Amino acid sequence: MIRETRRKYAGLVTREKAEQLAYGARYAVKKVFAPKKFANGVFQRTVLEENGKEKTLVLWNDETRFAGKALRAGTVVGLKNFYEKNGELHSTKNLQVSVIREAEPLPLLDGEPQNFSAFVTEKSGGEPFKLVVAGKTRATVNCWDSNLEVAEKSGVGERVCFEGARWSEGEANAGWDCLVYPCQGPAAGPGEIKKEGVCEGRITALYEARQTKAKGVLALIGAINGERTAFFGADAETILDADCDLPPETILELKRRYIKGKTIVFVAHRAGNGLTCKQLLKIS
């Protein structure tokens, strides 16, 4: 009796059908545009793909804040509570977006790609709002429209993602067809820095601390993940926590075992066979 019942209902609920019940319609996210502000609210477009056919999802107002956070290029999502009109998808009262498969993390800036992530190293106001960012390489990004607000809120040392940037004369532009948002992830390793970028690593050695003869600036020479690295001025003082009048050589000997093994994030410039710290972003 049990076997006959199993045979009778076998195949009625497959994995694919179960996902459809759980998530509603299933789409691959192809392109997300930045939100746009109008007199009657905020509007955002997202290009989706289903079985090789593209459709545009239209979001308004609060939907851009909540549903919009789940929409990233490369993500597979399930949608509930929407209707289709003239080839566009519009929400009903309670649009639900479920992430079925996350997109791959965006790679660190290297050259002039359209899609990348990078760490903020400098900010300057105005329109466009300029961010100097660095990954494996360094660049300036001009942020317009709603991306300008995201840029203003981004702190130095924070990682930001850019989907759909356009490059011109060595600078990236993030306008209405580019999505900018904060993201998480480690910086490049010291060995990945080609010329100048942000890197992250552990302090594996501390060779010397001294005042330079030319300008009397504090210099700290060590190694990050085994790569020889030099720190100067305020950055060297921060690492040494030099808050007393003792000679730097003495401070290093007293604090070496406490400093070694710490993780630092910094803007690095490759010079010869080693790195020079241009800006210390974080030490922990």
C-alpha atoms as a PDB file:
ATOM      1  CA  MET A   1       0.000   0.000   0.000  1.00  0.00           C
ATOM      2  CA  ILE A   2       2.771   2.467   0.944  1.00  0.00           C
ATOM      3  CA  ARG A   3       4.818   1.595  -2.146  1.00  0.00           C
ATOM      4  CA  GLU A   4       1.787   2.077  -4.427  1.00  0.00           C
ATOM      5  CA  THR A   5       1.133   5.529  -2.861  1.00  0.00           C
ATOM      6  CA  ARG A   6       4.788   6.577  -3.371  1.00  0.00           C
ATOM      7  CA  ARG A   7       4.661   5.528  -7.040  1.00  0.00           C
ATOM      8  CA  LYS A   8       1.399   7.422  -7.524  1.00  0.00           C
ATOM      9  CA  TYR A   9       2.794  10.778  -6.273  1.00  0.00           C
ATOM     10  CA  ALA A  10       6.442  10.394  -7.364  1.00  0.00           C
ATOM     11  CA  GLY A  11       7.741  13.398  -9.363  1.00  0.00           C
ATOM     12  CA  LEU A  12       4.929  15.778  -8.431  1.00  0.00           C
ATOM     13  CA  VAL A  13       7.201  17.900  -6.233  1.00  0.00           C
ATOM     14  CA  THR A  14      10.700  18.102  -7.694  1.00  0.00           C
ATOM     15  CA  ARG A  15      13.548  20.271  -6.355  1.00  0.00           C
ATOM     16  CA  GLU A  16      12.868  22.811  -9.131  1.00  0.00           C
ATOM     17  CA  LYS A  17       9.148  22.970  -8.328  1.00  0.00           C
ATOM     18  CA  ALA A  18       9.880  23.293  -4.631  1.00  0.00           C
ATOM     19  CA  GLU A  19      12.128  26.305  -5.344  1.00  0.00           C
ATOM     20  CA  GLN A  20       9.391  27.883  -7.446  1.00  0.00           C
ATOM     21  CA  LEU A  21       6.944  27.488  -4.559  1.00  0.00           C
ATOM     22  CA  ALA A  22       9.462  28.946  -2.104  1.00  0.00           C
ATOM     23  CA  TYR A  23      10.775  31.851  -4.181  1.00  0.00           C
ATOM     24  CA  GLY A  24       8.174  32.612  -6.844  1.00  0.00           C
ATOM     25  CA  ALA A  25       9.590  33.517 -10.296  1.00  0.00           C
ATOM     26  CA  ARG A  26      13.350  33.036 -10.608  1.00  0.00           C
ATOM     27  CA  TYR A  27      15.633  35.534 -12.407  1.00  0.00           C
ATOM     28  CA  ALA A  28      19.325  36.207 -12.967  1.00  0.00           C
ATOM     29  CA  VAL A  29      20.297  39.826 -12.314  1.00  0.00           C
ATOM     30  CA  LYS A  30      22.134  41.258 -15.335  1.00  0.00           C
ATOM     31  CA  LYS A  31      22.416  44.996 -14.624  1.00  0.00           C
ATOM     32  CA  VAL A  32      21.435  47.287 -11.736  1.00  0.00           C
ATOM     33  CA  PHE A  33      21.118  51.029 -12.319  1.00  0.00           C
ATOM     34  CA  ALA A  34      21.589  53.606  -9.562  1.00  0.00           C
ATOM     35  CA  PRO A  35      18.390  55.020  -8.015  1.00  0.00           C
ATOM     36  CA  LYS A  36      17.119  58.308  -9.488  1.00  0.00           C
ATOM     37  CA  LYS A  37      15.255  61.013  -7.616  1.00  0.00           C
ATOM     38  CA  PHE A  38      12.198  62.729  -9.091  1.00  0.00           C
ATOM     39  CA  ALA A  39       9.614  65.120  -7.704  1.00  0.00           C
ATOM     40  CA  ASN A  40       7.255  62.229  -6.935  1.00  0.00           C
ATOM     41  CA  GLY A  41       9.790  59.812  -5.460  1.00  0.00           C
ATOM     42  CA  VAL A  42      12.794  57.576  -6.092  1.00  0.00           C
ATOM     43  CA  PHE A  43      12.951  55.293  -9.128  1.00  0.00           C
ATOM     44  CA  GLN A  44      15.322  52.403  -9.924  1.00  0.00           C
ATOM     45  CA  ARG A  45      15.647  49.982 -12.847  1.00  0.00           C
ATOM     46  CA  THR A  46      17.150  46.496 -12.829  1.00  0.00           C
ATOM     47  CA  VAL A  47      17.625  44.285 -15.880  1.00  0.00           C
ATOM     48  CA  LEU A  48      16.731  40.629 -15.200  1.00  0.00           C
ATOM     49  CA  GLU A  49      17.018  37.527 -17.356  1.00  0.00           C
ATOM     50  CA  GLU A  50      14.724  34.501 -17.449  1.00  0.00           C
ATOM     51  CA  ASN A  51      15.300  31.651 -19.920  1.00  0.00           C
ATOM     52  CA  GLY A  52      17.432  33.891 -22.148  1.00  0.00           C
ATOM     53  CA  LYS A  53      14.884  36.740 -22.209  1.00  0.00           C
ATOM     54  CA  GLU A  54      15.535  40.093 -20.538  1.00  0.00           C
ATOM     55  CA  LYS A  55      12.949  41.989 -18.516  1.00  0.00           C
ATOM     56  CA  THR A  56      13.148  45.222 -16.554  1.00  0.00           C
ATOM     57  CA  LEU A  57      12.168  45.356 -12.891  1.00  0.00           C
ATOM     58  CA  VAL A  58      10.931  48.804 -11.832  1.00  0.00           C
ATOM     59  CA  LEU A  59      11.220  49.823  -8.180  1.00  0.00           C
ATOM     60  CA  TRP A  60       9.872  52.906  -6.465  1.00  0.00           C
ATOM     61  CA  ASN A  61      10.575  54.693  -3.179  1.00  0.00           C
ATOM     62  CA  ASP A  62      11.026  52.300  -0.180  1.00  0.00           C
ATOM     63  CA  GLU A  63      11.412  49.340  -2.557  1.00  0.00           C
ATOM     64  CA  THR A  64      14.716  50.778  -3.749  1.00  0.00           C
ATOM     65  CA  ARG A  65      16.053  50.670  -0.169  1.00  0.00           C
ATOM     66  CA  PHE A  66      14.888  47.225   0.862  1.00  0.00           C
ATOM     67  CA  ALA A  67      14.496  45.114  -2.283  1.00  0.00           C
ATOM     68  CA  GLY A  68      17.306  47.050  -3.956  1.00  0.00           C
ATOM     69  CA  LYS A  69      19.865  45.845  -1.410  1.00  0.00           C
ATOM     70  CA  ALA A  70      19.440  42.244  -2.606  1.00  0.00           C
ATOM     71  CA  LEU A  71      19.869  43.091  -6.286  1.00  0.00           C
ATOM     72  CA  ARG A  72      23.484  42.826  -7.466  1.00  0.00           C
ATOM     73  CA  ALA A  73      24.733  41.881 -10.924  1.00  0.00           C
ATOM     74  CA  GLY A  74      25.333  38.120 -11.053  1.00  0.00           C
ATOM     75  CA  THR A  75      22.880  37.306  -8.257  1.00  0.00           C
ATOM     76  CA  VAL A  76      20.023  34.834  -8.853  1.00  0.00           C
ATOM     77  CA  VAL A  77      16.848  35.993  -7.121  1.00  0.00           C
ATOM     78  CA  GLY A  78      13.289  34.857  -6.562  1.00  0.00           C
ATOM     79  CA  LEU A  79      10.469  37.417  -6.834  1.00  0.00           C
ATOM     80  CA  LYS A  80       6.998  37.374  -5.314  1.00  0.00           C
ATOM     81  CA  ASN A  81       4.103  39.835  -5.423  1.00  0.00           C
ATOM     82  CA  PHE A  82       4.621  41.530  -8.786  1.00  0.00           C
ATOM     83  CA  TYR A  83       2.894  41.863 -12.141  1.00  0.00           C
ATOM     84  CA  GLU A  84       4.129  42.303 -15.718  1.00  0.00           C
ATOM     85  CA  LYS A  85       3.106  45.209 -17.925  1.00  0.00           C
ATOM     86  CA  ASN A  86       4.564  46.130 -21.321  1.00  0.00           C
ATOM     87  CA  GLY A  87       7.624  43.963 -20.702  1.00  0.00           C
ATOM     88  CA  GLU A  88       8.309  45.537 -17.295  1.00  0.00           C
ATOM     89  CA  LEU A  89       7.887  43.972 -13.876  1.00  0.00           C
ATOM     90  CA  HIS A  90       6.147  46.119 -11.258  1.00  0.00           C
ATOM     91  CA  SER A  91       5.554  45.339  -7.606  1.00  0.00           C
ATOM     92  CA  THR A  92       2.218  44.964  -5.880  1.00  0.00           C
ATOM     93  CA  LYS A  93       1.893  46.185  -2.290  1.00  0.00           C
ATOM     94  CA  ASN A  94       4.551  43.898  -0.830  1.00  0.00           C
ATOM     95  CA  LEU A  95       7.308  42.918  -3.237  1.00  0.00           C
ATOM     96  CA  GLN A  96       9.478  40.099  -1.863  1.00  0.00           C
ATOM     97  CA  VAL A  97      13.007  39.474  -3.150  1.00  0.00           C
ATOM     98  CA  SER A  98      14.809  36.303  -2.041  1.00  0.00           C
ATOM     99  CA  VAL A  99      18.462  35.654  -2.876  1.00  0.00           C
ATOM    100  CA  ILE A 100      18.806  32.120  -4.257  1.00  0.00           C
ATOM    101  CA  ARG A 101      22.463  32.394  -5.239  1.00  0.00           C
ATOM    102  CA  GLU A 102      24.900  35.169  -4.295  1.00  0.00           C
ATOM    103  CA  ALA A 103      27.037  36.862  -6.939  1.00  0.00           C
ATOM    104  CA  GLU A 104      30.791  36.370  -6.891  1.00  0.00           C
ATOM    105  CA  PRO A 105      32.595  39.158  -4.962  1.00  0.00           C
ATOM    106  CA  LEU A 106      33.841  41.969  -7.178  1.00  0.00           C
ATOM    107  CA  PRO A 107      37.617  41.860  -7.715  1.00  0.00           C
ATOM    108  CA  LEU A 108      39.918  44.533  -6.358  1.00  0.00           C
ATOM    109  CA  LEU A 109      40.700  47.428  -8.699  1.00  0.00           C
ATOM    110  CA  ASP A 110      43.395  46.459 -11.190  1.00  0.00           C
ATOM    111  CA  GLY A 111      43.618  48.598 -14.341  1.00  0.00           C
ATOM    112  CA  GLU A 112      40.360  50.042 -15.738  1.00  0.00           C
ATOM    113  CA  PRO A 113      37.587  47.451 -15.301  1.00  0.00           C
ATOM    114  CA  GLN A 114      33.861  48.244 -15.339  1.00  0.00           C
ATOM    115  CA  ASN A 115      33.134  46.223 -12.203  1.00  0.00           C
ATOM    116  CA  PHE A 116      35.490  46.383  -9.238  1.00  0.00           C
ATOM    117  CA  SER A 117      35.883  47.040  -5.526  1.00  0.00           C
ATOM    118  CA  ALA A 118      38.431  49.299  -3.836  1.00  0.00           C
ATOM    119  CA  PHE A 119      39.295  51.019  -0.567  1.00  0.00           C
ATOM    120  CA  VAL A 120      38.655  54.739  -0.087  1.00  0.00           C
ATOM    121  CA  THR A 121      41.904  56.619   0.578  1.00  0.00           C
ATOM    122  CA  GLU A 122      40.817  60.233  -0.057  1.00  0.00           C
ATOM    123  CA  LYS A 123      37.562  62.193  -0.435  1.00  0.00           C
ATOM    124  CA  SER A 124      36.751  65.630  -1.833  1.00  0.00           C
ATOM    125  CA  GLY A 125      33.343  67.303  -1.997  1.00  0.00           C
ATOM    126  CA  GLY A 126      31.555  69.016  -4.832  1.00  0.00           C
ATOM    127  CA  GLU A 127      29.773  67.697  -7.900  1.00  0.00           C
ATOM    128  CA  PRO A 128      30.955  65.267  -8.919  1.00  0.00           C
ATOM    129  CA  PHE A 129      32.084  63.967  -5.540  1.00  0.00           C
ATOM    130  CA  LYS A 130      35.572  62.568  -5.971  1.00  0.00           C
ATOM    131  CA  LEU A 131      36.838  59.403  -4.307  1.00  0.00           C
ATOM    132  CA  VAL A 132      40.456  58.339  -4.566  1.00  0.00           C
ATOM    133  CA  VAL A 133      40.324  54.565  -4.216  1.00  0.00           C
ATOM    134  CA  ALA A 134      42.888  51.786  -4.329  1.00  0.00           C
ATOM    135  CA  GLY A 135      42.902  48.048  -4.797  1.00  0.00           C
ATOM    136  CA  LYS A 136      45.882  46.493  -6.565  1.00  0.00           C
ATOM    137  CA  THR A 137      46.127  49.842  -8.405  1.00  0.00           C
ATOM    138  CA  ARG A 138      44.908  53.354  -7.567  1.00  0.00           C
ATOM    139  CA  ALA A 139      42.409  55.652  -9.320  1.00  0.00           C
ATOM    140  CA  THR A 140      40.009  58.574  -8.940  1.00  0.00           C
ATOM    141  CA  VAL A 141      36.256  57.925  -9.232  1.00  0.00           C
ATOM    142  CA  ASN A 142      33.833  60.763 -10.052  1.00  0.00           C
ATOM    143  CA  CYS A 143      30.470  60.045  -8.401  1.00  0.00           C
ATOM    144  CA  TRP A 144      27.250  61.599  -9.698  1.00  0.00           C
ATOM    145  CA  ASP A 145      23.530  61.517  -8.875  1.00  0.00           C
ATOM    146  CA  SER A 146      22.584  59.130  -6.023  1.00  0.00           C
ATOM    147  CA  ASN A 147      26.094  57.686  -6.077  1.00  0.00           C
ATOM    148  CA  LEU A 148      27.302  61.071  -4.832  1.00  0.00           C
ATOM    149  CA  GLU A 149      25.409  60.463  -1.561  1.00  0.00           C
ATOM    150  CA  VAL A 150      26.970  57.005  -1.165  1.00  0.00           C
ATOM    151  CA  ALA A 151      30.423  58.489  -1.766  1.00  0.00           C
ATOM    152  CA  GLU A 152      29.847  61.195   0.870  1.00  0.00           C
ATOM    153  CA  LYS A 153      28.967  58.554   3.490  1.00  0.00           C
ATOM    154  CA  SER A 154      31.944  56.307   2.653  1.00  0.00           C
ATOM    155  CA  GLY A 155      34.751  56.619   5.174  1.00  0.00           C
ATOM    156  CA  VAL A 156      38.480  56.529   4.479  1.00  0.00           C
ATOM    157  CA  GLY A 157      39.615  52.909   4.763  1.00  0.00           C
ATOM    158  CA  GLU A 158      36.189  51.479   3.869  1.00  0.00           C
ATOM    159  CA  ARG A 159      35.715  49.151   0.905  1.00  0.00           C
ATOM    160  CA  VAL A 160      33.279  50.218  -1.828  1.00  0.00           C
ATOM    161  CA  CYS A 161      31.941  48.329  -4.864  1.00  0.00           C
ATOM    162  CA  PHE A 162      31.372  49.831  -8.324  1.00  0.00           C
ATOM    163  CA  GLU A 163      29.179  48.061 -10.914  1.00  0.00           C
ATOM    164  CA  GLY A 164      29.260  49.579 -14.389  1.00  0.00           C
ATOM    165  CA  ALA A 165      31.893  52.332 -14.076  1.00  0.00           C
ATOM    166  CA  ARG A 166      32.911  54.166 -17.251  1.00  0.00           C
ATOM    167  CA  TRP A 167      36.533  55.204 -17.740  1.00  0.00           C
ATOM    168  CA  SER A 168      37.797  58.373 -19.397  1.00  0.00           C
ATOM    169  CA  GLU A 169      41.325  59.819 -19.363  1.00  0.00           C
ATOM    170  CA  GLY A 170      42.404  57.525 -16.550  1.00  0.00           C
ATOM    171  CA  GLU A 171      39.466  58.325 -14.227  1.00  0.00           C
ATOM    172  CA  ALA A 172      36.346  56.259 -13.521  1.00  0.00           C
ATOM    173  CA  ASN A 173      32.873  57.811 -13.682  1.00  0.00           C
ATOM    174  CA  ALA A 174      29.953  56.515 -11.615  1.00  0.00           C
ATOM    175  CA  GLY A 175      26.762  58.047 -13.021  1.00  0.00           C
ATOM    176  CA  TRP A 176      23.160  56.831 -13.288  1.00  0.00           C
ATOM    177  CA  ASP A 177      24.213  53.619 -15.100  1.00  0.00           C
ATOM    178  CA  CYS A 178      26.683  52.642 -12.356  1.00  0.00           C
ATOM    179  CA  LEU A 179      25.762  51.228  -8.956  1.00  0.00           C
ATOM    180  CA  VAL A 180      27.945  52.191  -5.970  1.00  0.00           C
ATOM    181  CA  TYR A 181      27.548  50.519  -2.579  1.00  0.00           C
ATOM    182  CA  PRO A 182      29.645  49.618   0.496  1.00  0.00           C
ATOM    183  CA  CYS A 183      31.000  46.083   0.719  1.00  0.00           C
ATOM    184  CA  GLN A 184      33.288  43.901   2.817  1.00  0.00           C
ATOM    185  CA  GLY A 185      36.443  41.935   2.084  1.00  0.00           C
ATOM    186  CA  PRO A 186      40.212  41.905   2.541  1.00  0.00           C
ATOM    187  CA  ALA A 187      42.702  44.082   0.700  1.00  0.00           C
ATOM    188  CA  ALA A 188      45.359  42.708  -1.647  1.00  0.00           C
ATOM    189  CA  GLY A 189      48.408  40.977  -0.248  1.00  0.00           C
ATOM    190  CA  PRO A 190      51.734  42.877  -0.297  1.00  0.00           C
ATOM    191  CA  GLY A 191      53.008  40.754  -3.172  1.00  0.00           C
ATOM    192  CA  GLU A 192      50.040  41.757  -5.359  1.00  0.00           C
ATOM    193  CA  ILE A 193      50.844  45.482  -5.360  1.00  0.00           C
ATOM    194  CA  LYS A 194      52.284  46.385  -8.770  1.00  0.00           C
ATOM    195  CA  LYS A 195      52.882  50.105  -8.315  1.00  0.00           C
ATOM    196  CA  GLU A 196      50.498  51.615  -5.777  1.00  0.00           C
ATOM    197  CA  GLY A 197      47.454  50.184  -4.033  1.00  0.00           C
ATOM    198  CA  VAL A 198      45.960  49.137  -0.710  1.00  0.00           C
ATOM    199  CA  CYS A 199      47.357  46.018   0.905  1.00  0.00           C
ATOM    200  CA  GLU A 200      46.705  44.071   4.072  1.00  0.00           C
ATOM    201  CA  GLY A 201      48.974  41.758   6.003  1.00  0.00           C
ATOM    202  CA  ARG A 202      50.592  40.803   9.283  1.00  0.00           C
ATOM    203  CA  ILE A 203      53.690  42.454  10.683  1.00  0.00           C
ATOM    204  CA  THR A 204      56.135  39.563  10.444  1.00  0.00           C
ATOM    205  CA  ALA A 205      59.365  41.403  11.289  1.00  0.00           C
ATOM    206  CA  LEU A 206      60.614  44.696  12.774  1.00  0.00           C
ATOM    207  CA  TYR A 207      64.193  45.507  11.790  1.00  0.00           C
ATOM    208  CA  GLU A 208      64.874  49.043  12.993  1.00  0.00           C
ATOM    209  CA  ALA A 209      63.418  52.345  14.178  1.00  0.00           C
ATOM    210  CA  ARG A 210      65.393  55.574  13.840  1.00  0.00           C
ATOM    211  CA  GLN A 211      65.282  59.278  13.096  1.00  0.00           C
ATOM    212  CA  THR A 212      66.261  59.997   9.512  1.00  0.00           C
ATOM    213  CA  LYS A 213      69.336  62.212   9.173  1.00  0.00           C
ATOM    214  CA  ALA A 214      67.953  64.408   6.399  1.00  0.00           C
ATOM    215  CA  LYS A 215      64.656  65.606   7.926  1.00  0.00           C
ATOM    216  CA  GLY A 216      64.636  64.085  11.387  1.00  0.00           C
ATOM    217  CA  VAL A 217      61.513  62.061  10.556  1.00  0.00           C
ATOM    218  CA  LEU A 218      60.857  58.829  12.397  1.00  0.00           C
ATOM    219  CA  ALA A 219      61.439  55.777  10.187  1.00  0.00           C
ATOM    220  CA  LEU A 220      60.340  52.227  10.955  1.00  0.00           C
ATOM    221  CA  ILE A 221      61.624  49.374   8.787  1.00  0.00           C
ATOM    222  CA  GLY A 222      59.940  45.993   8.996  1.00  0.00           C
ATOM    223  CA  ALA A 223      58.245  43.312   6.938  1.00  0.00           C
ATOM    224  CA  ILE A 224      54.589  42.662   6.077  1.00  0.00           C
ATOM    225  CA  ASN A 225      53.933  39.031   5.208  1.00  0.00           C
ATOM    226  CA  GLY A 226      57.693  38.722   4.713  1.00  0.00           C
ATOM    227  CA  GLU A 227      57.947  41.698   2.310  1.00  0.00           C
ATOM    228  CA  ARG A 228      60.287  44.512   3.388  1.00  0.00           C
ATOM    229  CA  THR A 229      58.233  47.644   4.150  1.00  0.00           C
ATOM    230  CA  ALA A 230      59.142  51.154   5.323  1.00  0.00           C
ATOM    231  CA  PHE A 231      56.937  53.454   7.410  1.00  0.00           C
ATOM    232  CA  PHE A 232      57.632  57.128   8.077  1.00  0.00           C
ATOM    233  CA  GLY A 233      56.447  60.002  10.262  1.00  0.00           C
ATOM    234  CA  ALA A 234      53.005  59.753  11.843  1.00  0.00           C
ATOM    235  CA  ASP A 235      52.421  56.251  10.434  1.00  0.00           C
ATOM    236  CA  ALA A 236      55.598  54.952  12.110  1.00  0.00           C
ATOM    237  CA  GLU A 237      54.602  56.695  15.363  1.00  0.00           C
ATOM    238  CA  THR A 238      51.139  55.068  15.253  1.00  0.00           C
ATOM    239  CA  ILE A 239      52.591  51.579  14.803  1.00  0.00           C
ATOM    240  CA  LEU A 240      55.163  52.095  17.556  1.00  0.00           C
ATOM    241  CA  ASP A 241      52.619  53.909  19.736  1.00  0.00           C
ATOM    242  CA  ALA A 242      55.485  56.324  20.413  1.00  0.00           C
ATOM    243  CA  ASP A 243      53.998  58.469  23.168  1.00  0.00           C
ATOM    244  CA  CYS A 244      57.159  59.066  25.193  1.00  0.00           C
ATOM    245  CA  ASP A 245      60.544  60.794  24.836  1.00  0.00           C
ATOM    246  CA  LEU A 246      62.594  57.605  24.652  1.00  0.00           C
ATOM    247  CA  PRO A 247      64.762  57.040  21.552  1.00  0.00           C
ATOM    248  CA  PRO A 248      62.883  55.141  18.802  1.00  0.00           C
ATOM    249  CA  GLU A 249      65.403  52.275  19.028  1.00  0.00           C
ATOM    250  CA  THR A 250      64.512  51.814  22.697  1.00  0.00           C
ATOM    251  CA  ILE A 251      60.763  52.014  22.066  1.00  0.00           C
ATOM    252  CA  LEU A 252      61.069  49.328  19.398  1.00  0.00           C
ATOM    253  CA  GLU A 253      62.939  46.976  21.725  1.00  0.00           C
ATOM    254  CA  LEU A 254      60.356  47.502  24.472  1.00  0.00           C
ATOM    255  CA  LYS A 255      57.307  47.022  22.209  1.00  0.00           C
ATOM    256  CA  ARG A 256      58.572  44.648  19.510  1.00  0.00           C
ATOM    257  CA  ARG A 257      56.795  41.550  20.840  1.00  0.00           C
ATOM    258  CA  TYR A 258      53.497  43.459  21.202  1.00  0.00           C
ATOM    259  CA  ILE A 259      53.610  44.927  17.695  1.00  0.00           C
ATOM    260  CA  LYS A 260      54.772  41.842  15.817  1.00  0.00           C
ATOM    261  CA  GLY A 261      51.823  39.805  14.558  1.00  0.00           C
ATOM    262  CA  LYS A 262      49.419  42.744  14.290  1.00  0.00           C
ATOM    263  CA  THR A 263      47.411  43.169  11.076  1.00  0.00           C
ATOM    264  CA  ILE A 264      47.638  46.429   9.158  1.00  0.00           C
ATOM    265  CA  VAL A 265      45.913  47.900   6.114  1.00  0.00           C
ATOM    266  CA  PHE A 266      47.775  50.650   4.259  1.00  0.00           C
ATOM    267  CA  VAL A 267      48.306  52.387   0.929  1.00  0.00           C
ATOM    268  CA  ALA A 268      51.536  50.927  -0.392  1.00  0.00           C
ATOM    269  CA  HIS A 269      53.934  52.180  -3.041  1.00  0.00           C
ATOM    270  CA  ARG A 270      56.340  49.709  -4.605  1.00  0.00           C
ATOM    271  CA  ALA A 271      59.900  51.012  -4.710  1.00  0.00           C
ATOM    272  CA  GLY A 272      62.721  48.702  -5.733  1.00  0.00           C
ATOM    273  CA  ASN A 273      62.498  45.397  -3.880  1.00  0.00           C
ATOM    274  CA  GLY A 274      60.115  46.570  -1.176  1.00  0.00           C
ATOM    275  CA  LEU A 275      57.127  48.688  -0.237  1.00  0.00           C
ATOM    276  CA  THR A 276      56.755  52.149   1.255  1.00  0.00           C
ATOM    277  CA  CYS A 277      53.662  53.038   3.265  1.00  0.00           C
ATOM    278  CA  LYS A 278      51.993  56.142   1.824  1.00  0.00           C
ATOM    279  CA  GLN A 279      49.025  56.126   4.207  1.00  0.00           C
ATOM    280  CA  LEU A 280      48.204  53.893   7.178  1.00  0.00           C
ATOM    281  CA  LEU A 281      44.480  53.050   7.173  1.00  0.00           C
ATOM    282  CA  LYS A 282      44.086  50.529   9.983  1.00  0.00           C
ATOM    283  CA  ILE A 283      46.067  48.546  12.556  1.00  0.00           C
ATOM    284  CA  SER A 284      44.615  45.828  14.762  1.00  0.00           C
END
